[in-house]
Amino acid sequence: MMTSADAKAFARVQHAGQADRAGAPYIEHLERVAAAAEMRARHAQQAGLDLDPEAVAQAAWLHDVIEDTGTTADDLRRLGYATPVIEMVELLTKPPGHQTYEERIATIIDSGNLGAILIKLSDNEDNNDPVRGLPEGSERLTAQYTASMVRLHRAAAALGYSGP
């Protein structure tokens, strides 16, 4: 059975040498997203919701591995990741073809997958954090992430989540 430590190690290898928009090592973004998503999942579990914080942490570490590396969902299956982890990763992966950001968020929300919703919320919060020093002219992205976070918070609440 795979663990979040396994997912972290795999993400480190797959994202080695990648940098985020601000020029920082990409793995630092994944670390923050995984920590926030796992905390939210633990909160949900403590509130009686059926959510596995370990699976959420694994998916958070891997949330960009299909989109940004040569890894496929089949690779994750062969490595031994559980179906719920892979499902979350696939939901969080930008699909081929043209789909607006708002449509991608709608797909995640419409899935009803609380783990994926909490990961995307954590991802957007980190992407929107002014401490990260996003490049000049990022006002459009800031507005996009802010609007998305409102939608994701509402979706999580509709599924019974009352945390941060």
Protein backbone atom coordinates (compact mmCIF):
# COMPACT_ATOMS: atom_id res chain seq x y z
CA MET A 1 0.00 0.00 0.00
CA MET A 2 1.37 3.39 -1.01
CA THR A 3 1.76 6.21 1.52
CA SER A 4 1.99 9.98 1.38
CA ALA A 5 5.75 9.57 1.92
CA ASP A 6 5.84 7.46 -1.26
CA ALA A 7 3.83 10.10 -3.12
CA LYS A 8 6.16 12.84 -1.87
CA ALA A 9 9.25 10.90 -2.99
CA PHE A 10 7.71 10.18 -6.40
CA ALA A 11 6.67 13.83 -6.84
CA ARG A 12 10.21 14.96 -5.95
CA VAL A 13 11.66 12.80 -8.71
CA GLN A 14 9.01 13.64 -11.31
CA HIS A 15 9.08 17.41 -10.68
CA ALA A 16 12.88 17.64 -10.21
CA GLY A 17 14.23 20.81 -11.79
CA GLN A 18 10.80 22.38 -12.28
CA ALA A 19 10.11 25.88 -10.95
CA ASP A 20 6.84 27.66 -10.27
CA ARG A 21 5.80 30.99 -11.80
CA ALA A 22 7.74 32.85 -9.13
CA GLY A 23 10.91 30.84 -9.86
CA ALA A 24 10.87 28.75 -6.65
CA PRO A 25 11.34 24.96 -6.78
CA TYR A 26 7.98 23.47 -7.75
CA ILE A 27 8.17 20.84 -5.02
CA GLU A 28 7.71 23.61 -2.42
CA HIS A 29 4.28 24.36 -3.91
CA LEU A 30 3.34 20.68 -3.73
CA GLU A 31 4.49 20.50 -0.12
CA ARG A 32 2.30 23.45 0.91
CA VAL A 33 -0.71 22.12 -1.00
CA ALA A 34 -0.33 18.63 0.47
CA ALA A 35 -0.04 19.99 4.03
CA ALA A 36 -3.10 22.22 3.67
CA ALA A 37 -5.22 19.57 1.94
CA GLU A 38 -4.31 16.91 4.50
CA MET A 39 -5.18 19.30 7.35
CA ARG A 40 -8.56 19.99 5.75
CA ALA A 41 -9.17 16.27 5.20
CA ARG A 42 -8.36 15.53 8.85
CA HIS A 43 -10.79 18.25 9.89
CA ALA A 44 -13.46 16.71 7.66
CA GLN A 45 -12.83 13.24 9.04
CA GLN A 46 -13.02 14.52 12.64
CA ALA A 47 -16.35 16.15 11.74
CA GLY A 48 -17.65 12.73 10.70
CA LEU A 49 -17.28 13.01 6.93
CA ASP A 50 -16.14 9.95 5.01
CA LEU A 51 -12.77 11.18 3.81
CA ASP A 52 -9.36 9.52 4.06
CA PRO A 53 -6.68 12.14 4.91
CA GLU A 54 -3.91 9.80 3.76
CA ALA A 55 -5.48 9.41 0.30
CA VAL A 56 -6.01 13.17 0.07
CA ALA A 57 -2.37 13.81 1.04
CA GLN A 58 -1.15 11.36 -1.62
CA ALA A 59 -3.34 12.93 -4.30
CA ALA A 60 -2.23 16.42 -3.27
CA TRP A 61 1.44 15.47 -3.70
CA LEU A 62 0.57 14.00 -7.11
CA HIS A 63 -2.02 16.55 -8.25
CA ASP A 64 0.16 17.88 -11.11
CA VAL A 65 2.18 14.78 -11.94
CA ILE A 66 0.03 13.71 -14.92
CA GLU A 67 -0.33 17.25 -16.24
CA ASP A 68 3.29 18.35 -15.85
CA THR A 69 5.36 15.18 -16.34
CA GLY A 70 5.29 12.08 -18.52
CA THR A 71 3.44 10.13 -15.84
CA THR A 72 0.05 8.60 -16.66
CA ALA A 73 -2.80 7.32 -14.53
CA ASP A 74 -1.79 3.81 -15.60
CA ASP A 75 1.71 4.47 -14.25
CA LEU A 76 0.19 5.41 -10.90
CA ARG A 77 -1.88 2.22 -10.93
CA ARG A 78 1.20 0.11 -11.72
CA LEU A 79 3.03 1.79 -8.84
CA GLY A 80 0.24 0.71 -6.48
CA TYR A 81 -1.68 3.92 -5.80
CA ALA A 82 -5.27 3.27 -4.75
CA THR A 83 -8.15 4.04 -7.09
CA PRO A 84 -9.49 6.95 -4.98
CA VAL A 85 -6.05 8.64 -5.13
CA ILE A 86 -5.84 8.22 -8.90
CA GLU A 87 -9.41 9.46 -9.34
CA MET A 88 -8.58 12.66 -7.45
CA VAL A 89 -5.40 13.17 -9.49
CA GLU A 90 -7.31 12.67 -12.74
CA LEU A 91 -10.00 15.15 -11.66
CA LEU A 92 -7.29 17.71 -10.91
CA THR A 93 -5.48 17.16 -14.22
CA LYS A 94 -6.13 19.61 -17.04
CA PRO A 95 -7.86 17.57 -19.75
CA PRO A 96 -6.69 17.58 -23.35
CA GLY A 97 -8.48 20.02 -25.62
CA HIS A 98 -9.93 23.38 -24.83
CA GLN A 99 -11.66 23.85 -21.52
CA THR A 100 -11.76 27.13 -19.66
CA TYR A 101 -10.50 27.34 -16.12
CA GLU A 102 -14.05 27.94 -14.91
CA GLU A 103 -15.19 24.79 -16.72
CA ARG A 104 -12.39 22.80 -15.09
CA ILE A 105 -13.46 24.04 -11.66
CA ALA A 106 -17.08 23.13 -12.49
CA THR A 107 -15.97 19.60 -13.42
CA ILE A 108 -14.23 19.18 -10.06
CA ILE A 109 -17.23 20.58 -8.17
CA ASP A 110 -19.75 18.54 -10.16
CA SER A 111 -17.83 15.36 -9.35
CA GLY A 112 -18.82 15.70 -5.70
CA ASN A 113 -15.35 14.45 -4.76
CA LEU A 114 -14.64 16.30 -1.52
CA GLY A 115 -10.97 15.29 -1.53
CA ALA A 116 -10.41 16.78 -4.99
CA ILE A 117 -12.32 19.91 -4.02
CA LEU A 118 -10.19 20.41 -0.91
CA ILE A 119 -6.98 19.84 -2.86
CA LYS A 120 -8.00 22.34 -5.53
CA LEU A 121 -8.96 24.84 -2.84
CA SER A 122 -5.55 24.39 -1.21
CA ASP A 123 -3.85 24.65 -4.62
CA ASN A 124 -5.65 27.90 -5.44
CA GLU A 125 -4.90 29.40 -2.05
CA ASP A 126 -1.22 28.67 -2.51
CA ASN A 127 -1.25 29.97 -6.07
CA ASN A 128 -2.95 33.15 -4.88
CA ASP A 129 -0.67 33.75 -1.89
CA PRO A 130 0.99 37.17 -2.34
CA VAL A 131 4.03 35.94 -0.39
CA ARG A 132 4.88 33.75 -3.39
CA GLY A 133 5.52 36.90 -5.38
CA LEU A 134 3.65 36.08 -8.57
CA PRO A 135 5.01 37.89 -11.60
CA GLU A 136 3.93 41.40 -12.51
CA GLY A 137 0.60 41.49 -14.31
CA SER A 138 -0.93 38.57 -12.43
CA GLU A 139 -4.15 40.43 -11.58
CA ARG A 140 -6.16 38.19 -13.93
CA LEU A 141 -4.85 35.07 -12.20
CA THR A 142 -5.52 36.55 -8.78
CA ALA A 143 -9.12 37.29 -9.74
CA GLN A 144 -9.51 33.82 -11.27
CA TYR A 145 -8.20 32.05 -8.16
CA THR A 146 -10.26 34.23 -5.81
CA ALA A 147 -13.50 33.49 -7.71
CA SER A 148 -12.62 29.80 -7.85
CA MET A 149 -11.96 29.63 -4.10
CA VAL A 150 -15.42 31.05 -3.39
CA ARG A 151 -16.98 28.35 -5.59
CA LEU A 152 -14.85 25.59 -4.03
CA HIS A 153 -15.69 26.71 -0.47
CA ARG A 154 -19.41 26.62 -1.34
CA ALA A 155 -19.08 23.19 -2.92
CA ALA A 156 -17.23 21.81 0.11
CA ALA A 157 -19.87 23.27 2.43
CA ALA A 158 -22.62 21.68 0.35
CA LEU A 159 -20.90 18.33 0.97
CA GLY A 160 -20.88 18.96 4.73
CA TYR A 161 -17.40 20.45 5.13
CA SER A 162 -17.27 23.36 7.59
CA GLY A 163 -13.54 23.93 7.95
CA PRO A 164 -11.13 26.53 6.66
